[in-house]
Amino acid sequence: MYAVTFSRKILLCAVAIGLGALFIRLGFWQLDRHAQRSAGLGTRAERIAAPVLEWARPGDVPADTVGFVGRRAWLTGRWDRAGEVVLRSRTLNGRAGAEVLTPLLVGGDAGQIVMVLRGWLPAPDGLSPHLAAGWAHAPAPAAGEDRPDRVEGVLVSSRDGRGGQPLRVEIGGRPHLAIAGLDLDLIRQESALDPSAHVLRANDPPPDAVLRPARAVETDAGPHFSYAIQWFSFAAIALGGTAILLRSSSERKTP
């Protein structure tokens, strides 16, 4: 009987030590994530404070994104509304919708394409927003006026593989590409567009516009520090609770 009880105690200790080690490892992993996010926020703050970029002529857009993600920028060119891409399944305050990614030809028709995340539109199916509603507040040029389009915002990152399964949806009599996230490589593969490596998140639209702000760029270190504390707490509970349980068992058996 004593051997059986001793074996159970050994097994209980082994399980508690294993769980404790796992929880501690997860806690340190969350601390690493917290440190990475904090460092990224410092870099982002420096870039936001840097002078605003002005891209207005063909050739102004750099070939790569190194040092540019997080920078403020003014872009001048021509919108390609026929090439708009839908970022599907984006909710806002509990409402189903989608975000609109519109190509801007910097410098005009012969310019480089920068995809602009212009904002969010309602869509009951999360797939086919009324894209024309996103232009309702754009001022019409005067007769005979060839006025370029200008947009201000912050440069954000794209990541290959983020786009998920590409879909085709007809909106306003035109086919549009619908993807799950910012994935420029997928846009190149699935459309006639050849965008540059840059994506601009446009500044907030007018308060009375149907178009609402796109998903905000993260401005804090996230919940990773809190998660780390939780994992360390679980480790303490697993180890401390087992120690208390073993001690209580021993005291009950002591004559």
Protein backbone atom coordinates (compact mmCIF):
# COMPACT_ATOMS: atom_id res chain seq x y z
CA MET A 1 0.00 0.00 0.00
CA TYR A 2 2.86 2.33 0.88
CA ALA A 3 4.55 1.61 -2.48
CA VAL A 4 1.35 2.43 -4.36
CA THR A 5 0.90 5.70 -2.45
CA PHE A 6 4.54 6.63 -3.01
CA SER A 7 4.21 5.94 -6.77
CA ARG A 8 1.16 8.19 -6.93
CA LYS A 9 3.07 10.98 -5.21
CA ILE A 10 5.94 10.61 -7.67
CA LEU A 11 3.52 10.73 -10.60
CA LEU A 12 1.75 13.77 -9.15
CA CYS A 13 5.09 15.57 -8.66
CA ALA A 14 6.18 14.72 -12.19
CA VAL A 15 2.94 16.07 -13.68
CA ALA A 16 3.12 19.24 -11.56
CA ILE A 17 6.77 19.87 -12.48
CA GLY A 18 6.01 19.27 -16.18
CA LEU A 19 3.05 21.65 -16.16
CA GLY A 20 5.00 24.22 -14.16
CA ALA A 21 7.89 24.11 -16.63
CA LEU A 22 5.47 24.46 -19.56
CA PHE A 23 3.67 27.42 -17.98
CA ILE A 24 6.96 29.15 -17.13
CA ARG A 25 8.19 28.65 -20.70
CA LEU A 26 4.97 30.16 -22.05
CA GLY A 27 5.34 33.09 -19.63
CA PHE A 28 8.85 33.88 -20.89
CA TRP A 29 7.60 33.53 -24.48
CA GLN A 30 4.97 36.20 -23.79
CA LEU A 31 7.64 38.43 -22.20
CA ASP A 32 9.69 38.09 -25.40
CA ARG A 33 6.64 39.06 -27.45
CA HIS A 34 6.10 42.07 -25.16
CA ALA A 35 9.72 43.18 -25.62
CA GLN A 36 9.48 42.84 -29.40
CA ARG A 37 6.26 44.83 -29.56
CA SER A 38 7.68 47.53 -27.27
CA ALA A 39 10.76 47.87 -29.46
CA GLY A 40 8.57 48.09 -32.55
CA LEU A 41 6.49 50.85 -30.97
CA GLY A 42 9.63 52.87 -30.31
CA THR A 43 10.65 52.57 -33.96
CA ARG A 44 7.12 53.47 -35.05
CA ALA A 45 7.13 56.61 -32.89
CA GLU A 46 10.42 57.72 -34.48
CA ARG A 47 9.04 57.19 -37.98
CA ILE A 48 5.78 59.00 -37.26
CA ALA A 49 7.84 61.98 -36.07
CA ALA A 50 9.93 61.97 -39.27
CA PRO A 51 9.17 64.47 -42.07
CA VAL A 52 6.17 63.61 -44.25
CA LEU A 53 7.08 61.86 -47.50
CA GLU A 54 5.90 63.39 -50.78
CA TRP A 55 5.42 60.99 -53.67
CA ALA A 56 3.96 62.83 -56.64
CA ARG A 57 5.96 61.91 -59.75
CA PRO A 58 6.74 58.65 -61.56
CA GLY A 59 9.88 57.27 -59.96
CA ASP A 60 9.22 58.78 -56.52
CA VAL A 61 8.09 55.47 -55.01
CA PRO A 62 11.07 53.49 -53.58
CA ALA A 63 11.63 49.91 -54.68
CA ASP A 64 11.49 48.41 -51.18
CA THR A 65 9.88 49.16 -47.82
CA VAL A 66 12.97 49.21 -45.59
CA GLY A 67 12.66 52.20 -43.24
CA PHE A 68 9.32 53.32 -44.68
CA VAL A 69 6.68 51.29 -42.81
CA GLY A 70 5.15 53.64 -40.23
CA ARG A 71 6.14 56.83 -42.09
CA ARG A 72 3.56 59.49 -42.92
CA ALA A 73 3.16 60.20 -46.62
CA TRP A 74 1.33 62.38 -49.13
CA LEU A 75 0.61 60.64 -52.43
CA THR A 76 -0.47 62.41 -55.61
CA GLY A 77 -1.75 60.61 -58.69
CA ARG A 78 -4.87 59.06 -60.19
CA TRP A 79 -7.25 56.59 -58.58
CA ASP A 80 -7.95 53.34 -60.43
CA ARG A 81 -11.46 52.63 -59.19
CA ALA A 82 -11.90 49.69 -61.56
CA GLY A 83 -9.02 47.92 -59.83
CA GLU A 84 -10.37 48.19 -56.28
CA VAL A 85 -9.73 45.14 -54.10
CA VAL A 86 -12.03 44.07 -51.27
CA LEU A 87 -10.62 42.96 -47.93
CA ARG A 88 -13.49 40.74 -46.89
CA SER A 89 -15.04 39.94 -43.50
CA ARG A 90 -14.14 43.11 -41.59
CA THR A 91 -16.52 43.97 -38.76
CA LEU A 92 -16.99 47.41 -37.21
CA ASN A 93 -18.96 47.87 -33.98
CA GLY A 94 -20.62 44.52 -34.56
CA ARG A 95 -21.60 45.31 -38.16
CA ALA A 96 -20.48 43.12 -41.04
CA GLY A 97 -18.48 44.83 -43.75
CA ALA A 98 -15.29 44.98 -45.78
CA GLU A 99 -12.33 47.28 -46.22
CA VAL A 100 -11.50 48.90 -49.54
CA LEU A 101 -8.02 48.74 -51.07
CA THR A 102 -7.78 51.15 -54.01
CA PRO A 103 -4.84 51.47 -56.45
CA LEU A 104 -3.36 54.96 -56.84
CA LEU A 105 -1.14 55.59 -59.85
CA VAL A 106 1.45 57.96 -58.39
CA GLY A 107 2.28 60.63 -60.94
CA GLY A 108 -0.58 59.72 -63.28
CA ASP A 109 -1.31 56.93 -65.74
CA ALA A 110 2.36 56.07 -66.27
CA GLY A 111 3.14 56.09 -62.55
CA GLN A 112 3.82 53.40 -60.01
CA ILE A 113 0.88 51.79 -58.24
CA VAL A 114 0.50 52.19 -54.49
CA MET A 115 -2.39 50.33 -52.91
CA VAL A 116 -4.31 52.62 -50.53
CA LEU A 117 -6.39 51.20 -47.68
CA ARG A 118 -9.11 53.84 -47.89
CA GLY A 119 -11.54 52.61 -45.23
CA TRP A 120 -14.44 50.36 -44.25
CA LEU A 121 -17.85 49.98 -45.87
CA PRO A 122 -20.86 48.00 -44.63
CA ALA A 123 -21.63 44.71 -46.36
CA PRO A 124 -24.15 42.25 -44.91
CA ASP A 125 -22.28 39.34 -46.49
CA GLY A 126 -18.86 40.74 -45.58
CA LEU A 127 -17.90 40.41 -49.22
CA SER A 128 -19.66 42.84 -51.55
CA PRO A 129 -19.81 46.42 -50.20
CA HIS A 130 -21.35 49.22 -52.23
CA LEU A 131 -18.03 50.58 -53.50
CA ALA A 132 -19.58 53.63 -55.15
CA ALA A 133 -20.74 54.80 -51.71
CA GLY A 134 -17.11 55.18 -50.72
CA TRP A 135 -16.72 57.94 -53.31
CA ALA A 136 -19.88 59.89 -52.56
CA HIS A 137 -17.98 62.65 -50.76
CA ALA A 138 -15.18 63.02 -53.29
CA PRO A 139 -15.39 66.55 -54.81
CA ALA A 140 -16.03 66.53 -58.54
CA PRO A 141 -13.47 68.43 -60.68
CA ALA A 142 -14.62 71.56 -62.46
CA ALA A 143 -15.38 71.39 -66.19
CA GLY A 144 -12.16 70.97 -68.14
CA GLU A 145 -10.09 70.62 -64.98
CA ASP A 146 -7.57 67.75 -64.80
CA ARG A 147 -6.96 67.80 -61.08
CA PRO A 148 -4.79 65.03 -59.60
CA ASP A 149 -5.96 63.05 -56.60
CA ARG A 150 -4.13 63.46 -53.29
CA VAL A 151 -4.26 61.26 -50.23
CA GLU A 152 -2.48 61.43 -46.90
CA GLY A 153 -1.85 58.53 -44.56
CA VAL A 154 0.65 56.17 -42.95
CA LEU A 155 2.58 53.45 -44.76
CA VAL A 156 1.75 49.96 -43.43
CA SER A 157 3.07 46.48 -44.16
CA SER A 158 1.87 43.68 -46.41
CA ARG A 159 2.66 40.01 -45.78
CA ASP A 160 2.67 37.16 -48.28
CA GLY A 161 0.21 34.43 -47.40
CA ARG A 162 -2.12 36.76 -45.52
CA GLY A 163 -4.66 36.98 -48.35
CA GLY A 164 -6.19 33.51 -47.97
CA GLN A 165 -8.38 32.09 -50.71
CA PRO A 166 -8.93 34.68 -53.48
CA LEU A 167 -12.55 35.21 -54.51
CA ARG A 168 -14.24 37.09 -57.34
CA VAL A 169 -17.23 39.26 -56.61
CA GLU A 170 -19.26 41.42 -58.99
CA ILE A 171 -19.98 44.90 -57.62
CA GLY A 172 -21.64 47.60 -59.69
CA GLY A 173 -21.34 45.50 -62.83
CA ARG A 174 -17.56 45.04 -62.43
CA PRO A 175 -15.62 42.01 -61.16
CA HIS A 176 -13.44 42.72 -58.13
CA LEU A 177 -10.89 40.63 -56.30
CA ALA A 178 -11.79 39.82 -52.66
CA ILE A 179 -9.05 38.60 -50.30
CA ALA A 180 -8.72 38.04 -46.56
CA GLY A 181 -5.82 40.40 -45.80
CA LEU A 182 -3.11 42.70 -47.11
CA ASP A 183 -1.17 40.45 -49.47
CA LEU A 184 0.39 42.29 -52.41
CA ASP A 185 1.86 39.12 -53.86
CA LEU A 186 -1.61 37.57 -54.11
CA ILE A 187 -2.94 40.74 -55.76
CA ARG A 188 -0.19 40.48 -58.38
CA GLN A 189 -1.06 36.84 -59.03
CA GLU A 190 -4.83 37.24 -59.16
CA SER A 191 -5.30 40.57 -60.96
CA ALA A 192 -3.88 42.67 -63.75
CA LEU A 193 -2.32 45.03 -61.18
CA ASP A 194 1.41 45.25 -60.51
CA PRO A 195 1.52 47.27 -57.28
CA SER A 196 4.68 48.55 -55.64
CA ALA A 197 5.79 47.10 -52.31
CA HIS A 198 4.04 49.89 -50.37
CA VAL A 199 0.56 50.15 -48.84
CA LEU A 200 -0.83 53.44 -47.50
CA ARG A 201 -3.48 53.43 -44.78
CA ALA A 202 -5.41 56.63 -45.56
CA ASN A 203 -6.16 59.09 -42.80
CA ASP A 204 -9.66 59.10 -41.38
CA PRO A 205 -12.41 60.06 -43.87
CA PRO A 206 -14.87 62.89 -43.10
CA PRO A 207 -17.15 62.11 -40.12
CA ASP A 208 -20.27 62.22 -42.31
CA ALA A 209 -18.87 59.92 -45.00
CA VAL A 210 -20.23 56.40 -45.55
CA LEU A 211 -16.62 55.23 -45.68
CA ARG A 212 -15.35 54.64 -42.14
CA PRO A 213 -11.73 54.47 -40.95
CA ALA A 214 -9.88 51.27 -41.74
CA ARG A 215 -8.57 49.08 -38.96
CA ALA A 216 -6.25 51.20 -36.82
CA VAL A 217 -2.53 50.57 -36.54
CA GLU A 218 -1.68 49.14 -33.11
CA THR A 219 -0.33 51.81 -30.77
CA ASP A 220 0.42 49.81 -27.62
CA ALA A 221 2.45 46.77 -26.64
CA GLY A 222 -0.62 44.56 -26.54
CA PRO A 223 -1.72 42.11 -23.84
CA HIS A 224 1.47 40.02 -23.82
CA PHE A 225 2.70 41.24 -20.41
CA SER A 226 -0.65 40.35 -18.83
CA TYR A 227 -0.53 36.95 -20.52
CA ALA A 228 2.95 36.38 -19.08
CA ILE A 229 1.70 37.11 -15.57
CA GLN A 230 -1.17 34.67 -16.10
CA TRP A 231 1.17 31.86 -17.21
CA PHE A 232 3.50 32.46 -14.25
CA SER A 233 0.45 32.38 -11.97
CA PHE A 234 -0.62 29.04 -13.45
CA ALA A 235 2.89 27.69 -12.79
CA ALA A 236 2.75 28.87 -9.17
CA ILE A 237 -0.69 27.30 -8.72
CA ALA A 238 0.43 23.98 -10.23
CA LEU A 239 3.61 23.73 -8.14
CA GLY A 240 2.31 25.33 -4.95
CA GLY A 241 -0.98 23.47 -5.06
CA THR A 242 0.79 20.13 -5.49
CA ALA A 243 3.12 20.88 -2.59
CA ILE A 244 0.17 21.74 -0.34
CA LEU A 245 -1.68 18.62 -1.41
CA LEU A 246 1.30 16.37 -0.66
CA ARG A 247 1.90 18.02 2.68
CA SER A 248 -1.75 17.63 3.70
CA SER A 249 -1.66 13.97 2.68
CA SER A 250 1.44 13.37 4.78
CA GLU A 251 -0.03 15.12 7.82
CA ARG A 252 -3.18 13.01 7.65
CA LYS A 253 -1.13 9.83 7.71
CA THR A 254 1.11 10.96 10.60
CA PRO A 255 -0.14 9.32 13.88
